Amino acid sequence: MDPLPSPGLPAPPEHWALFLDVDGTLVEIADRPQEVRIPPSLRGLLVELRTALDDALALVSGRALADLDTLFAPLVLPAVGTHGLELRDADLTIHRPTLPREWPVLRKRFEDFARGRDGVLLEDKGASLALHYRLAPWQQRPVEQEIRAARALLGAPATVQLGKMVAEVRWGTRTKGDGIRTLMGRAPFAGRTPVFLGDDETDQAGFAAVNALEGLSIHVGATDPGVARYHLSGVVAVYDWLRDLLNARSTTLDSSPDPNA
């Protein structure tokens, strides 16, 4: 596939709707989610991009909306949170699922599980409970077993989400792709070409949604690109590419490598 820009570019950048994953895409992944900090320069860049795109910029994250707002304060952006379970429109209306009465019991179960295993951390995202094991990678198997057992106890519509050194049980089936499709049907995103940057397996549904909408799916980092059609090497490359995009310079991307090659 040709790098960008090319004669096959579906729309000039000023007609894009930009969707940005956070951890692993805009910022490096930290051992603990609460350790991540947003550089002031990145916050300023997002403000400039939002203005240049007539507000058609949204965050798409596994983090809860409240967590995103804390990270990016004072910015409050349209966003897909908790891997698609939460959504905030451009008018700041928030949509999220109603949790089952068993949810507090499950949270207590996960608290006890994490307390008994060094290096395992519980993150409560509201509609999702995540067990992180980045500090103890040998805990992957028991963590995933615990998450799957919890999902089986809850039943539908609970789902399991696996990511980089994290496993979650989620109350719902909506994905990042569902969130992107929803926003693309509403102002100011409607009628634009969607562009989504993400870094891992949790972003594949977003890539697929953007591909179906004839947009640009951009994988970040060294993991399997899956269905993403373009590639950037890492967080630093993302920042440079966004700055180049804003400055109307080259927006060159590498095509995604073939994982079977």
Protein backbone atom coordinates (compact mmCIF):
# COMPACT_ATOMS: atom_id res chain seq x y z
CA MET A 1 0.00 0.00 0.00
CA ASP A 2 1.26 3.46 -0.85
CA PRO A 3 2.35 5.78 1.97
CA LEU A 4 0.35 8.92 2.65
CA PRO A 5 -0.15 11.32 1.00
CA SER A 6 -1.03 9.58 -2.25
CA PRO A 7 -3.43 9.97 -5.18
CA GLY A 8 -5.67 7.44 -3.41
CA LEU A 9 -6.11 9.57 -0.27
CA PRO A 10 -9.87 9.48 0.43
CA ALA A 11 -10.02 13.08 1.66
CA PRO A 12 -7.63 15.92 2.48
CA PRO A 13 -6.63 16.05 6.18
CA GLU A 14 -8.83 19.07 6.90
CA HIS A 15 -11.83 16.84 6.13
CA TRP A 16 -10.77 14.08 8.54
CA ALA A 17 -12.42 13.04 11.78
CA LEU A 18 -9.55 12.09 14.08
CA PHE A 19 -9.93 9.34 16.70
CA LEU A 20 -7.00 8.77 19.07
CA ASP A 21 -6.28 5.93 21.46
CA VAL A 22 -4.41 7.07 24.58
CA ASP A 23 -2.17 4.52 26.34
CA GLY A 24 0.43 3.18 23.94
CA THR A 25 -0.54 5.70 21.26
CA LEU A 26 -0.50 9.24 22.68
CA VAL A 27 1.50 8.31 25.79
CA GLU A 28 3.75 5.44 26.80
CA ILE A 29 2.15 2.70 28.90
CA ALA A 30 3.06 2.93 32.60
CA ASP A 31 3.39 0.15 35.16
CA ARG A 32 0.39 1.63 36.95
CA PRO A 33 -2.37 3.44 34.99
CA GLN A 34 -2.43 6.30 37.51
CA GLU A 35 1.26 7.02 36.84
CA VAL A 36 0.59 8.28 33.31
CA ARG A 37 0.96 12.04 32.82
CA ILE A 38 -0.03 14.12 29.80
CA PRO A 39 2.71 16.56 28.72
CA PRO A 40 1.47 20.15 28.37
CA SER A 41 2.79 20.15 24.80
CA LEU A 42 0.48 17.23 23.91
CA ARG A 43 -2.49 18.91 25.51
CA GLY A 44 -1.77 22.05 23.49
CA LEU A 45 -1.35 20.03 20.29
CA LEU A 46 -4.77 18.43 20.77
CA VAL A 47 -6.37 21.84 21.25
CA GLU A 48 -4.81 23.05 18.00
CA LEU A 49 -5.85 19.91 16.12
CA ARG A 50 -9.41 20.18 17.40
CA THR A 51 -9.62 23.74 16.11
CA ALA A 52 -8.10 22.79 12.74
CA LEU A 53 -10.61 19.93 12.37
CA ASP A 54 -13.64 22.01 13.37
CA ASP A 55 -13.96 19.99 16.60
CA ALA A 56 -13.94 16.58 14.84
CA LEU A 57 -11.45 15.04 17.28
CA ALA A 58 -12.20 12.37 19.89
CA LEU A 59 -10.33 10.14 22.31
CA VAL A 60 -10.95 6.37 22.07
CA SER A 61 -9.68 4.57 25.15
CA GLY A 62 -9.95 1.66 27.51
CA ARG A 63 -9.95 4.20 30.32
CA ALA A 64 -13.17 5.47 31.85
CA LEU A 65 -14.35 8.93 30.80
CA ALA A 66 -13.74 10.28 34.30
CA ASP A 67 -10.14 9.06 34.15
CA LEU A 68 -9.63 10.66 30.73
CA ASP A 69 -10.95 13.97 32.05
CA THR A 70 -8.51 13.86 34.96
CA LEU A 71 -5.61 13.06 32.63
CA PHE A 72 -6.37 15.72 30.03
CA ALA A 73 -7.80 18.45 32.31
CA PRO A 74 -8.86 21.12 31.62
CA LEU A 75 -9.69 19.58 28.23
CA VAL A 76 -13.03 17.78 27.96
CA LEU A 77 -13.24 16.05 24.59
CA PRO A 78 -15.77 13.83 22.83
CA ALA A 79 -14.68 10.34 23.75
CA VAL A 80 -15.27 6.62 23.58
CA GLY A 81 -14.39 5.25 27.03
CA THR A 82 -14.04 1.83 28.65
CA HIS A 83 -13.43 0.18 25.25
CA GLY A 84 -16.79 1.40 23.93
CA LEU A 85 -19.05 1.00 26.97
CA GLU A 86 -19.06 4.76 27.60
CA LEU A 87 -19.56 7.48 25.01
CA ARG A 88 -19.56 11.27 25.21
CA ASP A 89 -20.99 13.22 22.29
CA ALA A 90 -19.67 16.55 21.08
CA ASP A 91 -22.40 18.26 23.15
CA LEU A 92 -20.91 16.45 26.19
CA THR A 93 -23.91 14.15 26.67
CA ILE A 94 -22.68 10.91 28.28
CA HIS A 95 -24.06 7.44 27.59
CA ARG A 96 -23.14 4.46 29.80
CA PRO A 97 -24.71 1.15 30.82
CA THR A 98 -26.61 0.50 34.05
CA LEU A 99 -24.64 -1.93 36.18
CA PRO A 100 -26.14 -5.09 37.69
CA ARG A 101 -26.70 -5.39 41.44
CA GLU A 102 -23.95 -8.05 41.61
CA TRP A 103 -21.29 -5.56 40.53
CA PRO A 104 -20.17 -4.45 44.04
CA VAL A 105 -19.81 -8.11 45.06
CA LEU A 106 -17.61 -8.72 42.01
CA ARG A 107 -15.51 -5.68 42.84
CA LYS A 108 -14.92 -7.00 46.37
CA ARG A 109 -13.96 -10.38 44.91
CA PHE A 110 -11.35 -8.73 42.67
CA GLU A 111 -10.06 -6.62 45.56
CA ASP A 112 -9.43 -9.77 47.55
CA PHE A 113 -7.84 -11.47 44.53
CA ALA A 114 -5.42 -8.57 43.92
CA ARG A 115 -4.61 -8.20 47.61
CA GLY A 116 -3.41 -11.78 47.71
CA ARG A 117 -1.08 -11.48 44.71
CA ASP A 118 1.92 -9.16 44.68
CA GLY A 119 2.03 -7.02 41.54
CA VAL A 120 -1.64 -7.44 40.59
CA LEU A 121 -3.60 -4.18 40.60
CA LEU A 122 -7.35 -3.63 40.40
CA GLU A 123 -8.66 -0.74 38.29
CA ASP A 124 -12.34 0.15 38.66
CA LYS A 125 -13.56 1.82 35.46
CA GLY A 126 -17.21 1.84 36.40
CA ALA A 127 -18.62 -0.41 33.68
CA SER A 128 -15.43 -2.49 33.64
CA LEU A 129 -13.19 -4.02 36.30
CA ALA A 130 -9.59 -4.57 35.21
CA LEU A 131 -6.80 -6.60 36.76
CA HIS A 132 -3.34 -5.34 35.73
CA TYR A 133 -0.31 -7.63 36.03
CA ARG A 134 2.42 -5.57 34.34
CA LEU A 135 4.40 -5.66 37.59
CA ALA A 136 3.96 -9.44 37.79
CA PRO A 137 3.75 -10.97 34.30
CA TRP A 138 3.84 -14.48 35.76
CA GLN A 139 0.33 -13.77 37.08
CA GLN A 140 -1.18 -13.73 33.57
CA ARG A 141 -2.76 -17.18 33.77
CA PRO A 142 -4.44 -16.81 37.19
CA VAL A 143 -5.61 -13.29 36.29
CA GLU A 144 -7.22 -14.40 33.04
CA GLN A 145 -8.76 -17.42 34.77
CA GLU A 146 -10.27 -15.15 37.43
CA ILE A 147 -11.65 -12.75 34.83
CA ARG A 148 -13.22 -15.56 32.80
CA ALA A 149 -14.72 -17.12 35.93
CA ALA A 150 -16.28 -13.79 36.87
CA ARG A 151 -17.73 -13.38 33.40
CA ALA A 152 -19.26 -16.86 33.60
CA LEU A 153 -20.90 -16.01 36.92
CA LEU A 154 -22.35 -12.76 35.60
CA GLY A 155 -23.61 -14.13 32.30
CA ALA A 156 -24.69 -11.93 29.39
CA PRO A 157 -24.05 -9.17 28.54
CA ALA A 158 -20.76 -9.41 30.45
CA THR A 159 -17.70 -9.81 28.23
CA VAL A 160 -13.96 -10.41 28.65
CA GLN A 161 -11.42 -7.93 27.30
CA LEU A 162 -7.72 -8.83 27.16
CA GLY A 163 -5.03 -6.20 26.60
CA LYS A 164 -1.34 -5.52 27.25
CA MET A 165 -0.72 -7.04 30.70
CA VAL A 166 -4.35 -6.48 31.68
CA ALA A 167 -7.59 -8.46 31.66
CA GLU A 168 -11.07 -7.04 32.24
CA VAL A 169 -14.65 -8.09 32.72
CA ARG A 170 -17.02 -5.59 31.08
CA TRP A 171 -20.74 -5.04 31.47
CA GLY A 172 -21.70 -4.90 27.82
CA THR A 173 -20.66 -5.86 24.32
CA ARG A 174 -20.01 -2.48 22.72
CA THR A 175 -16.51 -1.98 21.32
CA LYS A 176 -14.31 0.93 20.29
CA GLY A 177 -15.56 0.33 16.76
CA ASP A 178 -19.17 0.78 17.88
CA GLY A 179 -18.24 4.04 19.54
CA ILE A 180 -16.48 5.35 16.44
CA ARG A 181 -19.45 4.40 14.24
CA THR A 182 -21.84 6.17 16.61
CA LEU A 183 -19.82 9.39 16.63
CA MET A 184 -19.43 9.25 12.84
CA GLY A 185 -23.21 9.51 12.57
CA ARG A 186 -23.30 12.74 14.57
CA ALA A 187 -21.97 16.28 14.20
CA PRO A 188 -19.22 17.37 13.87
CA PHE A 189 -17.89 13.97 12.71
CA ALA A 190 -20.58 13.10 10.18
CA GLY A 191 -19.57 13.45 6.54
CA ARG A 192 -15.85 13.32 7.28
CA THR A 193 -13.25 10.61 6.68
CA PRO A 194 -12.49 8.73 9.92
CA VAL A 195 -8.85 8.29 10.95
CA PHE A 196 -8.08 6.09 13.96
CA LEU A 197 -4.72 5.57 15.68
CA GLY A 198 -4.36 2.65 18.10
CA ASP A 199 -1.72 0.25 19.33
CA ASP A 200 -3.06 -3.14 20.43
CA GLU A 201 -5.64 -5.90 20.20
CA THR A 202 -8.30 -3.77 21.90
CA ASP A 203 -8.11 -1.37 18.95
CA GLN A 204 -8.80 -3.93 16.23
CA ALA A 205 -12.57 -3.30 16.32
CA GLY A 206 -11.84 0.38 15.78
CA PHE A 207 -9.57 -0.36 12.84
CA ALA A 208 -12.22 -2.59 11.29
CA ALA A 209 -14.91 0.06 11.69
CA VAL A 210 -12.74 2.74 10.09
CA ASN A 211 -11.78 0.44 7.21
CA ALA A 212 -15.46 -0.27 6.54
CA LEU A 213 -16.09 3.49 6.44
CA GLU A 214 -13.23 3.87 3.90
CA GLY A 215 -11.10 5.72 6.41
CA LEU A 216 -7.52 5.35 7.59
CA SER A 217 -6.56 2.76 10.21
CA ILE A 218 -3.13 3.43 11.73
CA HIS A 219 -1.37 0.92 13.97
CA VAL A 220 1.23 2.18 16.46
CA GLY A 221 4.17 0.21 17.82
CA ALA A 222 5.67 -3.25 17.42
CA THR A 223 2.65 -5.50 18.05
CA ASP A 224 0.67 -7.30 15.33
CA PRO A 225 -1.10 -4.61 13.24
CA GLY A 226 -4.03 -6.91 12.54
CA VAL A 227 -6.41 -5.23 10.10
CA ALA A 228 -4.75 -1.80 10.36
CA ARG A 229 -3.56 -0.55 6.96
CA TYR A 230 -0.88 1.94 8.02
CA HIS A 231 1.80 2.02 10.69
CA LEU A 232 3.73 4.39 12.94
CA SER A 233 6.67 3.12 14.98
CA GLY A 234 5.67 4.43 18.41
CA VAL A 235 4.45 7.26 20.62
CA VAL A 236 7.18 9.68 19.54
CA ALA A 237 6.35 9.02 15.88
CA VAL A 238 2.66 9.66 16.60
CA TYR A 239 3.44 13.00 18.17
CA ASP A 240 5.67 14.01 15.25
CA TRP A 241 3.05 12.87 12.72
CA LEU A 242 0.27 14.84 14.44
CA ARG A 243 2.47 17.93 14.53
CA ASP A 244 3.28 17.51 10.83
CA LEU A 245 -0.41 17.07 10.10
CA LEU A 246 -1.24 20.27 11.93
CA ASN A 247 1.48 22.18 10.12
CA ALA A 248 0.29 20.92 6.72
CA ARG A 249 3.59 19.23 6.08
CA SER A 250 4.09 15.64 4.93
CA THR A 251 1.71 13.12 6.51
CA THR A 252 3.71 10.10 5.44
CA LEU A 253 2.86 6.72 6.95
CA ASP A 254 4.36 3.32 6.42
CA SER A 255 2.01 0.60 5.27
CA SER A 256 1.44 -1.99 7.97
CA PRO A 257 3.86 -4.93 7.81
CA ASP A 258 2.44 -8.30 6.88
CA PRO A 259 2.66 -10.40 10.10
CA ASN A 260 2.79 -13.56 7.95
CA ALA A 261 5.71 -12.39 5.84
